[in-house]
Amino acid sequence: MRYADQPTTHRQVRVAADPARVWEIVADVEAMTRWSPELERVEWCDGATGPAVGVRYAGHNRHPLNGEWRTVSEITEYEPGRTLTWCVLDVDGRFGKASEGPADRMAAWSFALSPAPEGGTVLRQSVTIGPGRSGLSAFIERTPEREEAIVAYRLDELGKGMEATLAGIKRAAEDTAAR
């Protein structure tokens, strides 16, 4: 898979809690810092205090190879109880030309919830890389012959991060549901 193909991956988990409870946690964007291996801090932009289509928030991230950086995410889909989608923008131009909007996004992320047939909730998290430049771009440019391996490595790494995030959401929702 090449970067230009906008590679994607996803993970999902069944949560033994009502979709409304799972949604409360998913919609709390700031809570994701408790479980994400990269996202350390979130700040709402332009006076926003929560998610809605068009709202932006700054994400402060850390990675052992890429160091620390800031991105701005714009919520592109918000359907309470069902879907939260956001695109990640490089507004500071850390990886090349600054991205101004969703068309130049580094990645698009999403949570989707649906009732599980046996009860509870199926929670799915997905990511699509690109089409804009990201931290992968410089690695690929230095060793273009390794592009597919670089992309595969990053997708695997993002998948493991999603597994950690989904496990944290599951624990939080089920702990509350059990009370």
Protein backbone atom coordinates (compact mmCIF):
# COMPACT_ATOMS: atom_id res chain seq x y z
CA MET A 1 0.00 0.00 0.00
CA ARG A 2 1.32 3.40 -0.96
CA TYR A 3 0.70 6.70 0.83
CA ALA A 4 -1.09 8.12 -2.23
CA ASP A 5 -3.63 5.27 -1.94
CA GLN A 6 -4.84 6.81 1.35
CA PRO A 7 -4.41 3.59 3.32
CA THR A 8 -6.86 2.80 6.06
CA THR A 9 -7.24 0.54 9.05
CA HIS A 10 -9.81 0.00 11.75
CA ARG A 11 -10.47 -1.88 14.95
CA GLN A 12 -13.69 -2.62 16.77
CA VAL A 13 -14.84 -3.92 20.10
CA ARG A 14 -18.11 -5.03 21.67
CA VAL A 15 -18.90 -3.03 24.77
CA ALA A 16 -21.31 -4.40 27.39
CA ALA A 17 -22.94 -1.02 27.87
CA ASP A 18 -25.78 0.91 26.32
CA PRO A 19 -24.86 2.93 23.18
CA ALA A 20 -25.84 6.14 24.98
CA ARG A 21 -23.24 5.49 27.70
CA VAL A 22 -20.56 4.59 25.15
CA TRP A 23 -21.40 7.77 23.21
CA GLU A 24 -20.90 9.94 26.31
CA ILE A 25 -17.32 8.71 26.50
CA VAL A 26 -16.61 8.85 22.76
CA ALA A 27 -17.95 12.41 22.50
CA ASP A 28 -15.63 13.51 25.33
CA VAL A 29 -12.68 14.21 23.04
CA GLU A 30 -10.51 15.30 25.96
CA ALA A 31 -10.94 11.88 27.60
CA MET A 32 -9.09 10.22 24.72
CA THR A 33 -5.81 11.45 26.24
CA ARG A 34 -6.25 8.82 28.97
CA TRP A 35 -5.94 5.94 26.52
CA SER A 36 -4.22 7.14 23.34
CA PRO A 37 -0.50 6.34 23.20
CA GLU A 38 0.18 9.59 21.24
CA LEU A 39 -2.46 12.19 22.14
CA GLU A 40 -1.41 13.93 25.34
CA ARG A 41 -3.57 17.03 25.57
CA VAL A 42 -6.57 18.63 23.83
CA GLU A 43 -7.57 22.30 23.68
CA TRP A 44 -10.79 23.48 22.05
CA CYS A 45 -10.30 26.28 19.51
CA ASP A 46 -12.24 29.51 18.99
CA GLY A 47 -14.22 29.27 22.23
CA ALA A 48 -15.70 25.85 21.49
CA THR A 49 -16.37 23.60 24.47
CA GLY A 50 -17.41 20.38 22.78
CA PRO A 51 -17.84 18.59 19.48
CA ALA A 52 -20.02 19.77 16.58
CA VAL A 53 -19.52 19.85 12.83
CA GLY A 54 -16.95 22.51 11.93
CA VAL A 55 -15.55 22.81 15.46
CA ARG A 56 -11.78 22.55 15.83
CA TYR A 57 -9.51 21.47 18.64
CA ALA A 58 -5.74 21.38 19.02
CA GLY A 59 -4.18 18.05 19.81
CA HIS A 60 -0.76 17.92 21.45
CA ASN A 61 1.00 14.69 20.57
CA ARG A 62 4.18 12.80 21.36
CA HIS A 63 5.87 9.92 19.55
CA PRO A 64 9.28 8.32 20.20
CA LEU A 65 10.44 8.88 16.58
CA ASN A 66 8.58 12.08 15.65
CA GLY A 67 8.97 13.94 18.95
CA GLU A 68 6.27 16.37 20.03
CA TRP A 69 3.92 18.24 17.75
CA ARG A 70 0.60 20.00 17.57
CA THR A 71 -2.18 19.33 15.11
CA VAL A 72 -5.59 20.88 14.70
CA SER A 73 -8.53 18.59 14.15
CA GLU A 74 -11.77 19.67 12.52
CA ILE A 75 -14.93 17.72 13.20
CA THR A 76 -16.48 16.81 9.86
CA GLU A 77 -19.30 14.52 10.97
CA TYR A 78 -21.15 14.53 14.27
CA GLU A 79 -24.26 12.41 14.65
CA PRO A 80 -24.90 12.00 18.39
CA GLY A 81 -25.07 8.39 19.42
CA ARG A 82 -23.74 7.13 16.08
CA THR A 83 -20.72 8.83 14.47
CA LEU A 84 -17.90 11.21 15.29
CA THR A 85 -15.44 11.94 12.45
CA TRP A 86 -12.59 14.42 12.38
CA CYS A 87 -9.76 15.30 10.06
CA VAL A 88 -6.28 16.09 11.32
CA LEU A 89 -4.66 19.21 9.89
CA ASP A 90 -1.06 20.37 9.88
CA VAL A 91 -1.93 24.05 10.33
CA ASP A 92 1.63 24.83 11.49
CA GLY A 93 3.19 23.40 8.31
CA ARG A 94 5.42 21.04 10.29
CA PHE A 95 5.42 18.49 7.47
CA GLY A 96 5.28 20.85 4.48
CA LYS A 97 2.69 23.33 3.26
CA ALA A 98 0.24 24.12 6.04
CA SER A 99 -3.11 22.41 5.59
CA GLU A 100 -6.08 24.73 5.74
CA GLY A 101 -8.98 22.31 5.65
CA PRO A 102 -10.24 18.77 5.18
CA ALA A 103 -9.06 18.48 1.56
CA ASP A 104 -5.41 18.77 2.75
CA ARG A 105 -5.81 16.59 5.84
CA MET A 106 -3.02 14.42 7.21
CA ALA A 107 -5.59 11.84 8.26
CA ALA A 108 -9.28 11.28 8.91
CA TRP A 109 -10.40 9.46 12.06
CA SER A 110 -13.81 8.17 13.05
CA PHE A 111 -15.76 6.46 15.79
CA ALA A 112 -18.93 4.63 14.79
CA LEU A 113 -21.37 3.05 17.24
CA SER A 114 -24.12 0.55 16.59
CA PRO A 115 -26.24 -1.62 18.86
CA ALA A 116 -24.80 -5.13 19.19
CA PRO A 117 -27.31 -7.89 18.28
CA GLU A 118 -26.60 -9.68 21.58
CA GLY A 119 -26.88 -6.44 23.58
CA GLY A 120 -24.48 -3.64 24.28
CA THR A 121 -22.64 -1.66 21.63
CA VAL A 122 -20.28 -2.34 18.76
CA LEU A 123 -17.71 0.48 18.74
CA ARG A 124 -15.48 0.88 15.68
CA GLN A 125 -12.56 3.26 15.31
CA SER A 126 -10.98 3.86 11.91
CA VAL A 127 -8.29 5.99 10.32
CA THR A 128 -7.44 6.90 6.75
CA ILE A 129 -4.00 8.38 6.14
CA GLY A 130 -3.58 11.31 3.76
CA PRO A 131 -3.96 12.81 1.27
CA GLY A 132 -1.95 15.69 2.80
CA ARG A 133 1.60 15.42 4.03
CA SER A 134 2.24 13.95 7.47
CA GLY A 135 5.09 12.65 9.57
CA LEU A 136 5.33 9.67 7.21
CA SER A 137 6.17 11.89 4.24
CA ALA A 138 9.77 12.61 5.26
CA PHE A 139 10.45 8.94 6.06
CA ILE A 140 9.12 7.91 2.66
CA GLU A 141 11.12 10.61 0.85
CA ARG A 142 14.36 9.45 2.51
CA THR A 143 13.81 5.80 1.53
CA PRO A 144 11.18 5.65 -1.24
CA GLU A 145 11.97 2.01 -1.94
CA ARG A 146 10.63 1.21 1.56
CA GLU A 147 7.37 3.15 1.20
CA GLU A 148 5.09 0.13 1.50
CA ALA A 149 6.91 -1.13 4.60
CA ILE A 150 6.82 2.35 6.18
CA VAL A 151 3.08 2.68 5.55
CA ALA A 152 2.42 -0.86 6.83
CA TYR A 153 4.44 -0.17 9.99
CA ARG A 154 2.51 3.04 10.69
CA LEU A 155 -0.86 1.39 10.06
CA ASP A 156 0.10 -1.37 12.49
CA GLU A 157 1.20 1.22 15.05
CA LEU A 158 -2.04 3.18 14.63
CA GLY A 159 -4.01 -0.07 14.95
CA LYS A 160 -2.33 -0.83 18.27
CA GLY A 161 -3.15 2.69 19.44
CA MET A 162 -6.79 2.18 18.46
CA GLU A 163 -6.84 -1.10 20.39
CA ALA A 164 -5.58 0.71 23.49
CA THR A 165 -8.12 3.51 23.06
CA LEU A 166 -11.02 1.12 22.46
CA ALA A 167 -10.02 -0.97 25.48
CA GLY A 168 -9.99 2.17 27.63
CA ILE A 169 -13.41 3.27 26.39
CA LYS A 170 -14.77 -0.26 26.96
CA ARG A 171 -13.45 -0.34 30.55
CA ALA A 172 -14.85 3.10 31.32
CA ALA A 173 -18.27 2.33 29.85
CA GLU A 174 -18.58 -1.11 31.43
CA ASP A 175 -17.36 0.07 34.84
CA THR A 176 -20.03 2.76 34.86
CA ALA A 177 -22.72 0.40 33.49
CA ALA A 178 -22.00 -2.10 36.28
CA ARG A 179 -22.71 0.45 38.99
